[in-house]
N, C-alpha and C. Protein backbone atom coordinates (compact mmCIF):
# COMPACT_ATOMS: atom_id res chain seq x y z
N MET A 1 0.81 -1.20 0.00
CA MET A 1 0.00 0.00 0.00
C MET A 1 0.85 1.25 0.00
N GLY A 2 2.02 1.21 0.58
CA GLY A 2 2.86 2.39 0.66
C GLY A 2 3.27 2.91 -0.71
N GLU A 3 3.46 1.97 -1.64
CA GLU A 3 3.86 2.36 -2.98
C GLU A 3 2.72 3.07 -3.71
N GLU A 4 1.49 2.63 -3.52
CA GLU A 4 0.35 3.27 -4.16
C GLU A 4 0.11 4.66 -3.59
N GLU A 5 0.35 4.85 -2.30
CA GLU A 5 0.19 6.18 -1.70
C GLU A 5 1.21 7.15 -2.27
N GLU A 6 2.43 6.67 -2.48
CA GLU A 6 3.46 7.54 -3.06
C GLU A 6 3.10 7.94 -4.48
N LYS A 7 2.56 7.01 -5.26
CA LYS A 7 2.14 7.34 -6.63
C LYS A 7 1.03 8.38 -6.61
N GLY A 8 0.11 8.26 -5.67
CA GLY A 8 -0.97 9.24 -5.55
C GLY A 8 -0.44 10.62 -5.21
N LYS A 9 0.54 10.69 -4.32
CA LYS A 9 1.14 11.98 -3.96
C LYS A 9 1.91 12.58 -5.14
N MET A 10 2.59 11.74 -5.88
CA MET A 10 3.38 12.23 -7.00
C MET A 10 2.49 12.83 -8.07
N ILE A 11 1.35 12.26 -8.30
CA ILE A 11 0.45 12.76 -9.33
C ILE A 11 -0.17 14.09 -8.91
N LYS A 12 -0.48 14.26 -7.64
CA LYS A 12 -1.15 15.46 -7.18
C LYS A 12 -0.22 16.66 -7.06
N GLU A 13 1.07 16.43 -6.85
CA GLU A 13 2.00 17.54 -6.71
C GLU A 13 2.34 18.11 -8.08
N PRO A 14 2.35 19.44 -8.20
CA PRO A 14 2.70 20.02 -9.51
C PRO A 14 4.19 19.85 -9.80
N LEU A 15 4.51 19.71 -11.07
CA LEU A 15 5.90 19.54 -11.46
C LEU A 15 6.68 20.85 -11.35
N LEU A 16 6.04 21.95 -11.66
CA LEU A 16 6.70 23.25 -11.61
C LEU A 16 6.02 24.11 -10.55
N SER A 17 6.81 24.90 -9.86
CA SER A 17 6.22 25.75 -8.82
C SER A 17 5.43 26.91 -9.42
N SER A 18 5.84 27.39 -10.59
CA SER A 18 5.10 28.46 -11.26
C SER A 18 4.89 28.07 -12.71
N PRO A 19 3.77 28.48 -13.28
CA PRO A 19 3.53 28.11 -14.68
C PRO A 19 4.47 28.87 -15.61
N LYS A 20 4.91 28.21 -16.66
CA LYS A 20 5.80 28.84 -17.64
C LYS A 20 5.05 29.00 -18.95
N GLY A 21 5.52 29.95 -19.74
CA GLY A 21 4.92 30.17 -21.05
C GLY A 21 3.68 31.03 -20.94
N GLY A 22 2.84 30.90 -21.92
CA GLY A 22 1.60 31.66 -21.92
C GLY A 22 1.82 33.13 -22.24
N LEU A 23 1.00 33.96 -21.63
CA LEU A 23 1.04 35.39 -21.93
C LEU A 23 2.28 36.08 -21.40
N ARG A 24 2.96 35.50 -20.43
CA ARG A 24 4.17 36.13 -19.91
C ARG A 24 5.29 36.15 -20.94
N THR A 25 5.33 35.17 -21.81
CA THR A 25 6.41 35.09 -22.78
C THR A 25 6.10 35.81 -24.09
N MET A 26 4.86 36.20 -24.30
CA MET A 26 4.49 36.84 -25.56
C MET A 26 5.26 38.12 -25.85
N PRO A 27 5.48 39.03 -24.89
CA PRO A 27 6.27 40.23 -25.23
C PRO A 27 7.68 39.91 -25.72
N PHE A 28 8.28 38.87 -25.18
CA PHE A 28 9.63 38.49 -25.62
C PHE A 28 9.61 37.94 -27.04
N ILE A 29 8.60 37.15 -27.35
CA ILE A 29 8.49 36.60 -28.70
C ILE A 29 8.22 37.71 -29.71
N ILE A 30 7.32 38.62 -29.37
CA ILE A 30 7.00 39.73 -30.27
C ILE A 30 8.21 40.64 -30.46
N ALA A 31 8.93 40.94 -29.39
CA ALA A 31 10.13 41.78 -29.50
C ALA A 31 11.20 41.08 -30.33
N ASN A 32 11.37 39.78 -30.16
CA ASN A 32 12.34 39.04 -30.95
C ASN A 32 12.00 39.11 -32.44
N GLU A 33 10.75 38.92 -32.78
CA GLU A 33 10.34 38.98 -34.18
C GLU A 33 10.48 40.39 -34.74
N ALA A 34 10.16 41.40 -33.94
CA ALA A 34 10.29 42.78 -34.40
C ALA A 34 11.74 43.12 -34.69
N PHE A 35 12.64 42.75 -33.80
CA PHE A 35 14.06 43.02 -34.02
C PHE A 35 14.61 42.23 -35.20
N GLU A 36 14.10 41.03 -35.40
CA GLU A 36 14.52 40.23 -36.56
C GLU A 36 14.10 40.91 -37.85
N ARG A 37 12.90 41.47 -37.89
CA ARG A 37 12.43 42.18 -39.08
C ARG A 37 13.24 43.45 -39.33
N VAL A 38 13.54 44.18 -38.27
CA VAL A 38 14.35 45.39 -38.42
C VAL A 38 15.73 45.03 -38.99
N ALA A 39 16.32 43.97 -38.49
CA ALA A 39 17.63 43.54 -39.00
C ALA A 39 17.53 43.11 -40.46
N SER A 40 16.46 42.42 -40.81
CA SER A 40 16.28 41.96 -42.18
C SER A 40 16.09 43.14 -43.13
N TYR A 41 15.28 44.10 -42.75
CA TYR A 41 15.05 45.26 -43.61
C TYR A 41 16.30 46.15 -43.69
N GLY A 42 17.09 46.18 -42.65
CA GLY A 42 18.34 46.93 -42.70
C GLY A 42 19.39 46.25 -43.56
N LEU A 43 19.30 44.95 -43.70
CA LEU A 43 20.26 44.20 -44.50
C LEU A 43 20.00 44.32 -45.99
N MET A 44 18.75 44.54 -46.38
CA MET A 44 18.40 44.52 -47.81
C MET A 44 19.17 45.53 -48.66
N PRO A 45 19.25 46.81 -48.30
CA PRO A 45 20.03 47.73 -49.16
C PRO A 45 21.51 47.36 -49.22
N ASN A 46 22.06 46.92 -48.12
CA ASN A 46 23.46 46.50 -48.12
C ASN A 46 23.67 45.26 -48.98
N MET A 47 22.70 44.37 -48.98
CA MET A 47 22.81 43.16 -49.78
C MET A 47 22.76 43.48 -51.27
N ILE A 48 21.94 44.44 -51.67
CA ILE A 48 21.90 44.84 -53.08
C ILE A 48 23.26 45.39 -53.51
N LEU A 49 23.83 46.25 -52.69
CA LEU A 49 25.15 46.80 -53.01
C LEU A 49 26.22 45.71 -53.06
N TYR A 50 26.15 44.78 -52.13
CA TYR A 50 27.13 43.68 -52.09
C TYR A 50 27.01 42.81 -53.33
N LEU A 51 25.79 42.48 -53.71
CA LEU A 51 25.60 41.60 -54.87
C LEU A 51 26.01 42.29 -56.17
N THR A 52 25.77 43.59 -56.27
CA THR A 52 26.14 44.27 -57.52
C THR A 52 27.63 44.59 -57.58
N ARG A 53 28.24 44.98 -56.48
CA ARG A 53 29.65 45.37 -56.51
C ARG A 53 30.61 44.19 -56.39
N HIS A 54 30.39 43.31 -55.45
CA HIS A 54 31.35 42.23 -55.18
C HIS A 54 31.10 40.97 -56.00
N PHE A 55 29.84 40.69 -56.31
CA PHE A 55 29.54 39.50 -57.10
C PHE A 55 29.31 39.83 -58.57
N GLY A 56 29.26 41.11 -58.91
CA GLY A 56 29.14 41.50 -60.30
C GLY A 56 27.79 41.22 -60.92
N LEU A 57 26.74 41.12 -60.13
CA LEU A 57 25.41 40.89 -60.67
C LEU A 57 24.80 42.20 -61.13
N GLY A 58 23.88 42.10 -62.09
CA GLY A 58 23.14 43.28 -62.50
C GLY A 58 22.11 43.65 -61.44
N ALA A 59 21.55 44.84 -61.56
CA ALA A 59 20.60 45.31 -60.54
C ALA A 59 19.34 44.44 -60.51
N SER A 60 18.84 44.04 -61.69
CA SER A 60 17.63 43.22 -61.71
C SER A 60 17.90 41.82 -61.16
N THR A 61 19.04 41.24 -61.49
CA THR A 61 19.38 39.92 -60.97
C THR A 61 19.59 39.97 -59.46
N ALA A 62 20.26 41.01 -58.98
CA ALA A 62 20.47 41.16 -57.54
C ALA A 62 19.14 41.34 -56.81
N THR A 63 18.22 42.08 -57.42
CA THR A 63 16.90 42.26 -56.82
C THR A 63 16.14 40.94 -56.77
N ASN A 64 16.24 40.14 -57.82
CA ASN A 64 15.59 38.83 -57.82
C ASN A 64 16.20 37.90 -56.77
N VAL A 65 17.52 37.92 -56.64
CA VAL A 65 18.18 37.11 -55.61
C VAL A 65 17.71 37.53 -54.23
N LEU A 66 17.63 38.82 -54.00
CA LEU A 66 17.18 39.33 -52.71
C LEU A 66 15.72 38.98 -52.45
N PHE A 67 14.89 39.01 -53.50
CA PHE A 67 13.49 38.64 -53.36
C PHE A 67 13.35 37.18 -52.94
N PHE A 68 14.08 36.30 -53.61
CA PHE A 68 14.00 34.87 -53.26
C PHE A 68 14.62 34.59 -51.90
N TRP A 69 15.69 35.31 -51.56
CA TRP A 69 16.29 35.17 -50.23
C TRP A 69 15.30 35.58 -49.15
N SER A 70 14.60 36.69 -49.37
CA SER A 70 13.62 37.16 -48.39
C SER A 70 12.47 36.16 -48.24
N GLY A 71 12.01 35.62 -49.36
CA GLY A 71 10.96 34.61 -49.29
C GLY A 71 11.41 33.35 -48.57
N ALA A 72 12.64 32.93 -48.83
CA ALA A 72 13.16 31.72 -48.17
C ALA A 72 13.33 31.94 -46.68
N THR A 73 13.82 33.12 -46.28
CA THR A 73 14.01 33.37 -44.85
C THR A 73 12.69 33.50 -44.11
N ASN A 74 11.63 33.85 -44.81
CA ASN A 74 10.32 33.91 -44.17
C ASN A 74 9.62 32.56 -44.15
N PHE A 75 9.96 31.67 -45.07
CA PHE A 75 9.27 30.38 -45.18
C PHE A 75 10.02 29.24 -44.47
N MET A 76 11.33 29.27 -44.46
CA MET A 76 12.10 28.15 -43.92
C MET A 76 11.92 27.90 -42.42
N PRO A 77 11.63 28.90 -41.58
CA PRO A 77 11.36 28.56 -40.18
C PRO A 77 10.17 27.62 -40.00
N ILE A 78 9.19 27.70 -40.89
CA ILE A 78 8.05 26.79 -40.81
C ILE A 78 8.50 25.37 -41.12
N VAL A 79 9.30 25.22 -42.15
CA VAL A 79 9.81 23.90 -42.51
C VAL A 79 10.72 23.36 -41.40
N GLY A 80 11.59 24.21 -40.88
CA GLY A 80 12.49 23.80 -39.80
C GLY A 80 11.75 23.40 -38.54
N ALA A 81 10.70 24.15 -38.21
CA ALA A 81 9.91 23.81 -37.02
C ALA A 81 9.20 22.48 -37.21
N PHE A 82 8.67 22.23 -38.40
CA PHE A 82 8.01 20.96 -38.67
C PHE A 82 8.99 19.80 -38.55
N LEU A 83 10.17 19.95 -39.16
CA LEU A 83 11.16 18.88 -39.08
C LEU A 83 11.65 18.66 -37.66
N ALA A 84 11.88 19.75 -36.92
CA ALA A 84 12.37 19.61 -35.55
C ALA A 84 11.33 18.97 -34.65
N ASP A 85 10.07 19.36 -34.79
CA ASP A 85 9.02 18.82 -33.93
C ASP A 85 8.64 17.40 -34.31
N SER A 86 8.69 17.06 -35.59
CA SER A 86 8.19 15.76 -36.03
C SER A 86 9.26 14.68 -36.10
N TYR A 87 10.45 15.03 -36.55
CA TYR A 87 11.42 13.99 -36.86
C TYR A 87 12.76 14.11 -36.12
N VAL A 88 13.37 15.28 -36.16
CA VAL A 88 14.76 15.40 -35.76
C VAL A 88 14.93 15.66 -34.27
N GLY A 89 14.22 16.61 -33.74
CA GLY A 89 14.40 17.03 -32.36
C GLY A 89 14.98 18.44 -32.31
N ARG A 90 14.81 19.10 -31.19
CA ARG A 90 15.19 20.50 -31.07
C ARG A 90 16.70 20.71 -31.17
N PHE A 91 17.45 20.06 -30.33
CA PHE A 91 18.89 20.33 -30.28
C PHE A 91 19.65 19.77 -31.49
N PRO A 92 19.32 18.58 -32.00
CA PRO A 92 19.98 18.16 -33.24
C PRO A 92 19.67 19.08 -34.42
N MET A 93 18.47 19.66 -34.45
CA MET A 93 18.12 20.58 -35.53
C MET A 93 18.92 21.87 -35.42
N ILE A 94 19.09 22.37 -34.21
CA ILE A 94 19.90 23.58 -34.01
C ILE A 94 21.35 23.30 -34.40
N GLY A 95 21.87 22.15 -34.01
CA GLY A 95 23.24 21.79 -34.37
C GLY A 95 23.43 21.65 -35.87
N SER A 96 22.49 21.00 -36.54
CA SER A 96 22.62 20.84 -37.99
C SER A 96 22.47 22.18 -38.70
N GLY A 97 21.64 23.07 -38.18
CA GLY A 97 21.54 24.41 -38.76
C GLY A 97 22.83 25.19 -38.63
N CYS A 98 23.49 25.06 -37.48
CA CYS A 98 24.79 25.73 -37.29
C CYS A 98 25.84 25.17 -38.23
N ILE A 99 25.85 23.86 -38.40
CA ILE A 99 26.82 23.24 -39.30
C ILE A 99 26.56 23.67 -40.74
N CYS A 100 25.30 23.71 -41.15
CA CYS A 100 24.97 24.16 -42.51
C CYS A 100 25.38 25.61 -42.72
N SER A 101 25.16 26.47 -41.74
CA SER A 101 25.58 27.87 -41.85
C SER A 101 27.09 27.97 -42.00
N LEU A 102 27.82 27.18 -41.24
CA LEU A 102 29.28 27.19 -41.33
C LEU A 102 29.74 26.71 -42.70
N LEU A 103 29.10 25.68 -43.24
CA LEU A 103 29.49 25.17 -44.55
C LEU A 103 29.21 26.18 -45.66
N VAL A 104 28.11 26.90 -45.56
CA VAL A 104 27.81 27.93 -46.56
C VAL A 104 28.87 29.01 -46.54
N ILE A 105 29.28 29.43 -45.35
CA ILE A 105 30.32 30.46 -45.24
C ILE A 105 31.65 29.92 -45.76
N ALA A 106 31.97 28.68 -45.44
CA ALA A 106 33.26 28.11 -45.83
C ALA A 106 33.36 27.90 -47.34
N PHE A 107 32.27 27.54 -47.99
CA PHE A 107 32.31 27.22 -49.42
C PHE A 107 31.73 28.31 -50.30
N SER A 108 31.55 29.51 -49.78
CA SER A 108 31.05 30.60 -50.63
C SER A 108 32.14 31.01 -51.62
N PRO A 109 31.73 31.43 -52.81
CA PRO A 109 32.75 31.77 -53.81
C PRO A 109 33.47 33.06 -53.45
N PRO A 110 34.68 33.21 -53.93
CA PRO A 110 35.41 34.45 -53.65
C PRO A 110 34.78 35.61 -54.43
N PRO A 111 34.97 36.84 -53.97
CA PRO A 111 34.40 37.97 -54.69
C PRO A 111 35.03 38.12 -56.08
N SER A 112 34.25 38.68 -57.00
CA SER A 112 34.76 38.87 -58.35
C SER A 112 35.78 40.01 -58.36
N LYS A 113 36.65 40.01 -59.35
CA LYS A 113 37.71 41.01 -59.41
C LYS A 113 37.33 42.20 -60.27
N SER A 114 36.09 42.28 -60.69
CA SER A 114 35.68 43.41 -61.54
C SER A 114 35.31 44.64 -60.76
């Protein structure tokens, strides 16, 4: 009987002393997204200049690259969240994202000499 009483006590006791998440975390999430958007919009003019001057792309091609980059950066978090939640897991997904970012930087082409 002692074992059953312990199981009953364990179920009734809350796991956390205070609730986490919910409305308390919303300002942090909103601020994070707002700062991410500000950084993204601040990067766009610099990216156009970088693509035209260092990579030698035309203005229309650089604009198209930036358009597709912006679309991918807005869509890929949904794909990443689905993969992390369904198949891979949170920490392995973060690790593989870091490794992919490092590989992109390591294997990027050198700037053009024009």
